[in-house]
Amino acid sequence: MRGEEKRNLILQGNLYKCIITLAMPIMLNNFIQTLFNLADAYYVGQLGYVEFAATAFVWPVNFLFISLGIGISIAGTSILSQYIGAAKYDEANKVSSQLIVISCIVSIIFSAVGYFASPFIVKLMGASGDLARFGAIYLRITFLDTPFMFFYFSFNSIMNSQGDTIKPMVLSGISALLNIVLDPIFIFTLNMGIAGAAVATLISKAVLAIIGLLILIKSSSIIRPSIKNFKFDKEIIKQIIKVGLPSTIGQSGASLGFLVLNSFIISYGSVTMAAFGMVNRITSLIMQPAMGIGAAMTAIVGQNLGNNQIDRVKDAFKKSMNLSLYMSITGCILLLIFDKEIIHFFINAEDNPEVISQGITYLKYIAYSMPLMGIFSIFQGVFQGSGHTKYSMALEIGRLWVVRIPMILIFKHFTKAGETGIWFSMSFSNLFVCMYGYWIYRRNKWQTRIIR
């Protein structure tokens, strides 16, 4: 389906068809990315639970640095989709060019800082011994792929704003397949251990960025970015910052929250950290359909707001909510029925009985909040697509800093719940944030479009 046909589908077509058409490639993309992570988890898990815990422990640090890239990408999708909805294609081309250049400059700086600071960051987080050693090795190498990731974020933003969710999916599939092939080679054949997993990821993401660049150069889509005679545009940069900054704060605030959360979890030991990281990877796989629908809503909301069709935006919200609830409830049931089988697949039961026990307990707690996590994704899609990212920021930060972390502290210092307090807090925070999101939605202040 060509760019104009996608635009007509988004602005005039059947909404269920529109949501599914845009969301299915995103779901597959997210599913592929999760398999990408699960492949790392599986192979690293064969090295030992400390190595496995190290990857989960340092993940929030890396995410903190790339949160700015995600913020820029969200801003790009929102601004570009509204310009496309308003049929202002020249403005969209200018924004896309600024987006790419800004992302590249920032990512190179972050990559250099992160690479040299990794050992100090890991120690600052409270890790010691093998956990600190493995965490520093893994984190340092993963920082090298930051420029490739940031470029892909820009590519993804440009494609998704047009409703083209297929090309990002294909690229992710190629990258994930390459990573799965390279993982055992670098980890075991070349005997690089946990460093091998990071190197395999680096190579696969570099390939992803190179193919994305070639597509942008040769594409005949609605948006055609160009750096020929490039000059920074202050007004466009201000617009990107205005929309992207709240998303960045929300993402980085959430990442910092997970850093703090990890410090609490590691205080219970590496076993609890391993159970936490393992179950989060499993639930992220189950949540891909709902997250795909939420991501599709960004372009649908953006283009229809750009075209001043607010009633269609509200109708899309209702239909996406129905789809999300159906899929996430199905995921919840599957997790509860096959909890033991799922956990045993990732961790050897004979060598790690305590990790298995804690993992099953956490999985049961978090499974019940699956529908709420789906609703959260829809609210995020609406607020990000409208360009009023301060609301999505509030949801991100509120879930961790207002509910989850305070609850964990209460359980830790005033009860004898142990790690069960963590599992309960993770689940309950999703209920609170969905109630808050619905209140924001009903106030209707997100309905004003952000483009001129």
Protein backbone atom coordinates (compact mmCIF):
# COMPACT_ATOMS: atom_id res chain seq x y z
CA MET A 1 0.00 0.00 0.00
CA ARG A 2 1.49 3.33 -1.12
CA GLY A 3 1.83 6.46 1.03
CA GLU A 4 -1.29 8.22 -0.28
CA GLU A 5 -3.34 5.05 0.07
CA LYS A 6 -2.21 4.69 3.70
CA ARG A 7 -3.12 8.33 4.33
CA ASN A 8 -6.61 7.78 2.88
CA LEU A 9 -7.05 4.66 5.01
CA ILE A 10 -6.04 6.56 8.16
CA LEU A 11 -8.25 9.58 7.41
CA GLN A 12 -11.27 7.92 5.78
CA GLY A 13 -11.11 4.11 5.92
CA ASN A 14 -12.66 1.56 8.28
CA LEU A 15 -11.01 2.12 11.64
CA TYR A 16 -10.71 -1.51 12.69
CA LYS A 17 -9.03 -2.24 9.35
CA CYS A 18 -6.84 0.85 9.78
CA ILE A 19 -5.74 -0.06 13.31
CA ILE A 20 -5.00 -3.69 12.42
CA THR A 21 -3.24 -2.78 9.15
CA LEU A 22 -0.88 -0.38 10.95
CA ALA A 23 -0.58 -2.38 14.16
CA MET A 24 0.14 -5.84 12.73
CA PRO A 25 3.61 -4.97 11.36
CA ILE A 26 4.39 -3.10 14.60
CA MET A 27 3.28 -6.14 16.61
CA LEU A 28 5.51 -8.36 14.50
CA ASN A 29 8.30 -5.81 14.79
CA ASN A 30 7.97 -5.72 18.59
CA PHE A 31 7.66 -9.49 18.67
CA ILE A 32 10.84 -9.80 16.63
CA GLN A 33 12.65 -7.35 18.92
CA THR A 34 11.50 -9.31 21.96
CA LEU A 35 12.74 -12.54 20.38
CA PHE A 36 15.96 -10.63 19.74
CA ASN A 37 16.19 -9.94 23.49
CA LEU A 38 15.05 -13.43 24.42
CA ALA A 39 17.77 -14.91 22.22
CA ASP A 40 20.33 -12.90 24.19
CA ALA A 41 18.66 -13.98 27.42
CA TYR A 42 18.67 -17.65 26.43
CA TYR A 43 22.31 -17.76 25.39
CA VAL A 44 23.53 -15.57 28.26
CA GLY A 45 21.46 -17.71 30.63
CA GLN A 46 23.52 -20.72 29.55
CA LEU A 47 26.62 -18.96 30.92
CA GLY A 48 25.11 -18.67 34.41
CA TYR A 49 22.49 -16.77 36.38
CA VAL A 50 25.01 -14.05 37.42
CA GLU A 51 25.68 -13.21 33.77
CA PHE A 52 21.93 -13.25 33.16
CA ALA A 53 21.34 -10.95 36.15
CA ALA A 54 24.08 -8.58 34.90
CA THR A 55 22.24 -7.93 31.61
CA ALA A 56 19.01 -7.11 33.48
CA PHE A 57 20.90 -5.01 36.02
CA VAL A 58 22.54 -2.65 33.50
CA TRP A 59 19.62 -2.40 31.07
CA PRO A 60 18.12 0.75 32.69
CA VAL A 61 21.48 2.56 32.37
CA ASN A 62 21.62 2.03 28.63
CA PHE A 63 17.96 2.93 28.32
CA LEU A 64 18.58 6.17 30.23
CA PHE A 65 21.03 7.29 27.55
CA ILE A 66 18.83 6.28 24.62
CA SER A 67 15.71 7.87 26.14
CA LEU A 68 16.57 11.12 24.38
CA GLY A 69 16.61 9.26 21.07
CA ILE A 70 13.20 7.80 21.86
CA GLY A 71 11.93 11.28 22.79
CA ILE A 72 13.16 12.73 19.50
CA SER A 73 11.54 9.83 17.63
CA ILE A 74 8.20 10.32 19.37
CA ALA A 75 8.32 14.04 18.59
CA GLY A 76 9.12 13.26 14.98
CA THR A 77 6.21 10.84 14.58
CA SER A 78 3.77 13.28 16.16
CA ILE A 79 4.88 16.36 14.18
CA LEU A 80 5.30 14.52 10.88
CA SER A 81 1.97 12.69 11.09
CA GLN A 82 0.09 15.94 11.75
CA TYR A 83 1.79 17.64 8.80
CA ILE A 84 0.91 14.65 6.60
CA GLY A 85 -2.70 14.76 7.80
CA ALA A 86 -2.80 18.45 6.89
CA ALA A 87 -1.14 17.66 3.50
CA LYS A 88 1.84 19.96 4.28
CA TYR A 89 4.52 17.75 2.74
CA ASP A 90 7.28 20.37 2.33
CA GLU A 91 7.17 21.10 6.05
CA ALA A 92 7.30 17.36 6.78
CA ASN A 93 10.44 16.96 4.64
CA LYS A 94 12.19 19.79 6.51
CA VAL A 95 11.32 18.29 9.89
CA SER A 96 12.58 14.83 8.89
CA SER A 97 15.98 16.20 7.81
CA GLN A 98 16.42 18.11 11.07
CA LEU A 99 15.37 15.00 12.97
CA ILE A 100 18.07 12.81 11.44
CA VAL A 101 20.93 15.28 11.91
CA ILE A 102 20.03 16.06 15.54
CA SER A 103 19.76 12.35 16.36
CA CYS A 104 23.15 11.55 14.85
CA ILE A 105 24.99 14.33 16.71
CA VAL A 106 23.45 13.52 20.09
CA SER A 107 23.97 9.77 19.74
CA ILE A 108 27.70 10.05 19.03
CA ILE A 109 28.17 12.15 22.16
CA PHE A 110 26.18 9.70 24.29
CA SER A 111 28.04 6.71 22.90
CA ALA A 112 31.44 8.19 23.83
CA VAL A 113 30.36 9.25 27.32
CA GLY A 114 28.67 5.94 28.06
CA TYR A 115 31.58 3.83 26.87
CA PHE A 116 34.12 5.44 29.18
CA ALA A 117 31.76 5.88 32.15
CA SER A 118 30.37 2.30 32.21
CA PRO A 119 32.62 0.82 34.96
CA PHE A 120 31.99 3.81 37.25
CA ILE A 121 28.23 3.71 36.65
CA VAL A 122 27.97 0.02 37.52
CA LYS A 123 29.90 0.49 40.77
CA LEU A 124 27.82 3.57 41.62
CA MET A 125 24.69 1.41 41.33
CA GLY A 126 26.01 -0.81 44.09
CA ALA A 127 27.14 -3.84 42.12
CA SER A 128 30.23 -5.75 43.19
CA GLY A 129 32.13 -8.91 42.35
CA ASP A 130 31.13 -10.82 39.23
CA LEU A 131 27.91 -8.84 38.82
CA ALA A 132 29.89 -5.60 38.52
CA ARG A 133 32.51 -7.14 36.23
CA PHE A 134 30.02 -8.71 33.83
CA GLY A 135 27.72 -5.68 33.96
CA ALA A 136 30.52 -3.27 33.01
CA ILE A 137 31.66 -5.45 30.10
CA TYR A 138 28.16 -5.79 28.68
CA LEU A 139 27.20 -2.13 29.19
CA ARG A 140 30.37 -0.72 27.65
CA ILE A 141 29.93 -2.60 24.38
CA THR A 142 26.20 -1.88 24.12
CA PHE A 143 26.93 1.86 24.27
CA LEU A 144 28.79 1.54 20.97
CA ASP A 145 25.55 0.75 19.14
CA THR A 146 23.87 4.01 20.27
CA PRO A 147 24.44 5.92 16.96
CA PHE A 148 22.94 3.04 14.98
CA MET A 149 19.94 2.87 17.32
CA PHE A 150 19.31 6.61 17.13
CA PHE A 151 19.39 6.58 13.36
CA TYR A 152 16.93 3.70 13.33
CA PHE A 153 14.66 5.66 15.69
CA SER A 154 14.59 8.49 13.13
CA PHE A 155 13.95 6.05 10.29
CA ASN A 156 11.15 4.42 12.28
CA SER A 157 9.62 7.81 13.06
CA ILE A 158 9.60 8.85 9.39
CA MET A 159 8.06 5.58 8.26
CA ASN A 160 5.45 5.25 11.03
CA SER A 161 4.20 8.82 10.63
CA GLN A 162 3.21 7.90 7.06
CA GLY A 163 1.52 4.71 8.18
CA ASP A 164 4.32 2.62 6.67
CA THR A 165 4.92 0.11 9.43
CA ILE A 166 6.06 -2.70 7.13
CA LYS A 167 9.58 -1.50 6.27
CA PRO A 168 10.63 -1.14 9.95
CA MET A 169 9.27 -4.64 10.57
CA VAL A 170 11.30 -6.15 7.72
CA LEU A 171 14.46 -4.41 8.88
CA SER A 172 13.96 -5.57 12.45
CA GLY A 173 13.45 -9.11 11.22
CA ILE A 174 16.74 -9.06 9.33
CA SER A 175 18.54 -7.58 12.33
CA ALA A 176 17.03 -10.05 14.83
CA LEU A 177 17.80 -13.05 12.64
CA LEU A 178 21.38 -11.90 12.26
CA ASN A 179 21.67 -11.44 16.03
CA ILE A 180 20.31 -14.92 16.72
CA VAL A 181 22.86 -16.41 14.31
CA LEU A 182 25.78 -14.38 15.69
CA ASP A 183 25.01 -14.87 19.41
CA PRO A 184 26.23 -18.48 19.79
CA ILE A 185 29.19 -17.80 17.49
CA PHE A 186 30.53 -14.90 19.55
CA ILE A 187 29.48 -16.23 22.97
CA PHE A 188 30.55 -19.87 22.66
CA THR A 189 32.51 -20.53 19.45
CA LEU A 190 34.79 -17.50 19.89
CA ASN A 191 34.58 -17.93 23.69
CA MET A 192 33.78 -14.23 24.32
CA GLY A 193 31.13 -14.95 26.96
CA ILE A 194 28.84 -12.07 27.87
CA ALA A 195 30.89 -9.70 25.70
CA GLY A 196 30.00 -11.87 22.71
CA ALA A 197 26.29 -11.21 23.23
CA ALA A 198 26.91 -7.46 23.19
CA VAL A 199 29.12 -7.63 20.07
CA ALA A 200 26.50 -9.68 18.21
CA THR A 201 23.89 -7.03 19.04
CA LEU A 202 26.23 -4.24 17.93
CA ILE A 203 26.80 -5.82 14.51
CA SER A 204 23.11 -6.56 13.95
CA LYS A 205 22.10 -2.98 14.78
CA ALA A 206 24.78 -1.56 12.50
CA VAL A 207 23.35 -3.61 9.64
CA LEU A 208 19.86 -2.35 10.57
CA ALA A 209 20.96 1.29 10.33
CA ILE A 210 22.79 0.81 7.01
CA ILE A 211 19.77 -0.79 5.33
CA GLY A 212 17.51 1.94 6.76
CA LEU A 213 19.76 4.62 5.26
CA LEU A 214 19.60 2.96 1.84
CA ILE A 215 15.79 2.83 2.02
CA LEU A 216 15.57 6.55 2.84
CA ILE A 217 17.89 7.41 -0.05
CA LYS A 218 15.97 5.37 -2.63
CA SER A 219 12.43 5.65 -1.21
CA SER A 220 9.56 7.19 -3.18
CA SER A 221 7.39 7.75 -0.10
CA ILE A 222 5.59 10.94 0.94
CA ILE A 223 8.49 12.14 3.09
CA ARG A 224 11.91 12.54 1.44
CA PRO A 225 14.55 13.83 3.88
CA SER A 226 17.66 15.44 2.42
CA ILE A 227 20.86 16.83 3.95
CA LYS A 228 21.90 18.59 0.74
CA ASN A 229 22.55 22.26 1.62
CA PHE A 230 21.43 21.42 5.16
CA LYS A 231 21.04 24.25 7.68
CA PHE A 232 19.72 24.07 11.19
CA ASP A 233 16.20 25.51 11.48
CA LYS A 234 15.65 27.10 14.89
CA GLU A 235 11.85 26.95 14.67
CA ILE A 236 11.79 23.27 13.79
CA ILE A 237 14.34 22.46 16.49
CA LYS A 238 12.22 24.34 19.03
CA GLN A 239 9.18 22.35 17.93
CA ILE A 240 11.02 19.05 18.20
CA ILE A 241 12.31 20.00 21.65
CA LYS A 242 8.88 21.17 22.81
CA VAL A 243 7.27 17.86 21.88
CA GLY A 244 10.28 15.60 22.44
CA LEU A 245 11.50 16.94 25.79
CA PRO A 246 8.53 15.70 27.86
CA SER A 247 8.86 12.29 26.20
CA THR A 248 12.57 12.28 26.99
CA ILE A 249 11.92 13.26 30.60
CA GLY A 250 9.25 10.57 30.83
CA GLN A 251 11.51 7.90 29.35
CA SER A 252 14.59 8.94 31.33
CA GLY A 253 12.52 9.36 34.49
CA ALA A 254 11.22 5.85 34.03
CA SER A 255 14.74 4.61 33.39
CA LEU A 256 16.05 6.29 36.52
CA GLY A 257 13.15 4.73 38.37
CA PHE A 258 14.20 1.31 37.13
CA LEU A 259 17.76 2.05 38.26
CA VAL A 260 16.46 2.75 41.75
CA LEU A 261 14.14 -0.24 41.49
CA ASN A 262 17.07 -2.47 40.51
CA SER A 263 19.04 -1.29 43.52
CA PHE A 264 16.16 -2.42 45.75
CA ILE A 265 15.81 -5.73 43.94
CA ILE A 266 19.54 -6.53 44.04
CA SER A 267 19.45 -6.01 47.81
CA TYR A 268 17.47 -9.27 47.93
CA GLY A 269 20.23 -11.01 45.94
CA SER A 270 21.15 -12.01 42.39
CA VAL A 271 18.50 -14.73 42.42
CA THR A 272 15.69 -12.18 42.76
CA MET A 273 17.33 -9.98 40.12
CA ALA A 274 17.47 -12.91 37.71
CA ALA A 275 13.79 -13.77 38.33
CA PHE A 276 12.81 -10.14 37.79
CA GLY A 277 14.73 -9.84 34.51
CA MET A 278 13.47 -13.16 33.20
CA VAL A 279 9.76 -12.50 33.84
CA ASN A 280 9.97 -8.97 32.42
CA ARG A 281 11.27 -10.43 29.16
CA ILE A 282 8.44 -12.96 29.09
CA THR A 283 5.70 -10.41 29.78
CA SER A 284 7.14 -8.03 27.19
CA LEU A 285 6.60 -10.78 24.62
CA ILE A 286 2.95 -11.25 25.65
CA MET A 287 2.34 -7.50 25.58
CA GLN A 288 3.49 -6.98 21.99
CA PRO A 289 -0.04 -6.97 20.45
CA ALA A 290 -1.33 -4.27 22.81
CA MET A 291 1.86 -2.25 22.47
CA GLY A 292 1.60 -2.50 18.69
CA ILE A 293 -1.93 -1.09 18.77
CA GLY A 294 -0.78 1.74 21.03
CA ALA A 295 2.09 2.57 18.67
CA ALA A 296 -0.26 2.51 15.66
CA MET A 297 -2.49 5.01 17.43
CA THR A 298 0.31 7.59 17.30
CA ALA A 299 0.04 7.96 13.51
CA ILE A 300 -3.75 7.58 13.48
CA VAL A 301 -4.24 10.28 16.12
CA GLY A 302 -1.59 12.55 14.57
CA GLN A 303 -2.92 12.46 11.01
CA ASN A 304 -6.56 12.83 12.02
CA LEU A 305 -5.78 15.73 14.36
CA GLY A 306 -3.78 17.34 11.54
CA ASN A 307 -6.91 16.96 9.39
CA ASN A 308 -9.14 18.34 12.22
CA GLN A 309 -11.09 15.07 12.64
CA ILE A 310 -11.35 14.84 16.42
CA ASP A 311 -14.47 12.63 16.39
CA ARG A 312 -12.59 10.05 14.35
CA VAL A 313 -9.74 10.17 16.87
CA LYS A 314 -12.16 9.38 19.71
CA ASP A 315 -13.71 6.55 17.71
CA ALA A 316 -10.24 5.13 17.05
CA PHE A 317 -9.52 5.29 20.79
CA LYS A 318 -12.58 3.18 21.62
CA LYS A 319 -11.89 0.59 18.95
CA SER A 320 -8.20 0.30 19.86
CA MET A 321 -9.14 -0.15 23.51
CA ASN A 322 -11.46 -3.04 22.60
CA LEU A 323 -8.75 -4.78 20.59
CA SER A 324 -6.10 -4.23 23.26
CA LEU A 325 -8.24 -5.63 26.07
CA TYR A 326 -9.14 -8.74 24.08
CA MET A 327 -5.50 -9.50 23.27
CA SER A 328 -4.05 -8.73 26.70
CA ILE A 329 -6.70 -10.77 28.54
CA THR A 330 -5.84 -13.70 26.27
CA GLY A 331 -2.17 -13.23 27.17
CA CYS A 332 -3.03 -13.13 30.87
CA ILE A 333 -4.84 -16.47 30.65
CA LEU A 334 -1.94 -18.12 28.79
CA LEU A 335 0.57 -16.97 31.42
CA LEU A 336 -1.53 -18.31 34.28
CA ILE A 337 -2.10 -21.68 32.61
CA PHE A 338 1.47 -22.32 31.42
CA ASP A 339 3.45 -20.43 34.11
CA LYS A 340 5.74 -23.32 35.12
CA GLU A 341 6.43 -24.44 31.56
CA ILE A 342 7.32 -20.88 30.48
CA ILE A 343 9.72 -20.31 33.38
CA HIS A 344 11.41 -23.70 32.98
CA PHE A 345 12.15 -22.94 29.34
CA PHE A 346 14.54 -20.12 30.29
CA ILE A 347 16.13 -21.36 33.50
CA ASN A 348 17.41 -24.84 34.34
CA ALA A 349 15.23 -26.08 37.22
CA GLU A 350 17.89 -28.36 38.74
CA ASP A 351 20.60 -25.70 38.93
CA ASN A 352 18.42 -22.72 39.91
CA PRO A 353 15.38 -23.88 41.95
CA GLU A 354 15.08 -20.57 43.83
CA VAL A 355 15.09 -18.52 40.60
CA ILE A 356 12.32 -20.80 39.30
CA SER A 357 10.26 -20.37 42.48
CA GLN A 358 10.53 -16.58 42.57
CA GLY A 359 9.97 -16.31 38.82
CA ILE A 360 6.69 -18.26 39.00
CA THR A 361 5.46 -16.10 41.88
CA TYR A 362 6.26 -12.85 40.05
CA LEU A 363 4.69 -14.15 36.83
CA LYS A 364 1.40 -14.86 38.62
CA TYR A 365 1.28 -11.37 40.14
CA ILE A 366 2.12 -9.50 36.94
CA ALA A 367 -0.16 -11.63 34.72
CA TYR A 368 -3.27 -10.16 36.33
CA SER A 369 -2.20 -6.64 35.33
CA MET A 370 -1.70 -7.52 31.64
CA PRO A 371 -4.99 -5.86 30.56
CA LEU A 372 -4.00 -2.71 32.46
CA MET A 373 -0.65 -2.61 30.69
CA GLY A 374 -2.54 -2.80 27.39
CA ILE A 375 -4.73 0.15 28.37
CA PHE A 376 -1.60 2.09 29.37
CA SER A 377 -0.19 1.57 25.87
CA ILE A 378 -3.34 3.01 24.25
CA PHE A 379 -3.23 6.14 26.42
CA GLN A 380 0.43 6.60 25.52
CA GLY A 381 -0.39 6.33 21.81
CA VAL A 382 -3.14 8.95 22.04
CA PHE A 383 -1.13 11.50 24.01
CA GLN A 384 2.03 11.03 21.94
CA GLY A 385 0.16 11.22 18.63
CA SER A 386 -1.54 14.43 19.68
CA GLY A 387 1.85 15.96 20.50
CA HIS A 388 0.82 16.63 24.11
CA THR A 389 3.60 14.47 25.43
CA LYS A 390 3.51 16.05 28.89
CA TYR A 391 0.62 13.69 29.62
CA SER A 392 2.49 10.58 28.50
CA MET A 393 5.42 11.85 30.59
CA ALA A 394 3.16 12.09 33.64
CA LEU A 395 2.02 8.50 33.13
CA GLU A 396 5.58 7.19 32.76
CA ILE A 397 6.97 8.98 35.79
CA GLY A 398 3.87 8.57 37.94
CA ARG A 399 3.77 4.81 37.56
CA LEU A 400 7.29 4.43 38.95
CA TRP A 401 7.99 7.38 41.22
CA VAL A 402 4.55 8.05 42.67
CA VAL A 403 3.29 4.50 43.13
CA ARG A 404 5.73 1.67 42.47
CA ILE A 405 8.90 2.80 44.26
CA PRO A 406 7.13 4.23 47.36
CA MET A 407 5.15 1.00 47.70
CA ILE A 408 8.28 -1.11 47.45
CA LEU A 409 9.93 1.00 50.15
CA ILE A 410 6.91 0.54 52.42
CA PHE A 411 6.93 -3.22 51.91
CA LYS A 412 10.70 -3.38 52.40
CA HIS A 413 10.96 -1.39 55.62
CA PHE A 414 7.57 -1.83 57.32
CA THR A 415 6.51 -5.38 56.45
CA LYS A 416 7.97 -8.86 56.17
CA ALA A 417 6.69 -9.41 52.62
CA GLY A 418 10.21 -9.75 51.18
CA GLU A 419 10.45 -9.91 47.41
CA THR A 420 6.68 -10.49 47.21
CA GLY A 421 6.24 -6.80 48.02
CA ILE A 422 8.09 -5.98 44.81
CA TRP A 423 5.84 -8.22 42.74
CA PHE A 424 2.66 -6.75 44.23
CA SER A 425 3.87 -3.17 43.74
CA MET A 426 4.73 -3.83 40.08
CA SER A 427 1.18 -5.03 39.43
CA PHE A 428 -0.74 -2.43 41.49
CA SER A 429 1.07 0.53 39.90
CA ASN A 430 -0.46 -0.39 36.53
CA LEU A 431 -3.97 -0.01 37.98
CA PHE A 432 -3.20 3.44 39.39
CA VAL A 433 -1.67 4.79 36.20
CA CYS A 434 -4.61 3.62 34.05
CA MET A 435 -7.07 5.43 36.32
CA TYR A 436 -4.97 8.58 36.03
CA GLY A 437 -4.70 8.20 32.25
CA TYR A 438 -8.47 7.95 31.87
CA TRP A 439 -8.90 11.11 33.94
CA ILE A 440 -6.50 12.99 31.64
CA TYR A 441 -8.25 11.64 28.54
CA ARG A 442 -11.66 12.79 29.76
CA ARG A 443 -10.41 16.36 30.33
CA ASN A 444 -9.93 16.71 26.51
CA LYS A 445 -6.96 19.09 26.75
CA TRP A 446 -4.92 16.81 24.48
CA GLN A 447 -7.16 17.53 21.47
CA THR A 448 -5.42 20.71 20.22
CA ARG A 449 -3.09 20.05 17.30
CA ILE A 450 0.52 21.28 17.59
CA ILE A 451 1.26 22.34 13.98
CA ARG A 452 0.54 25.72 12.46
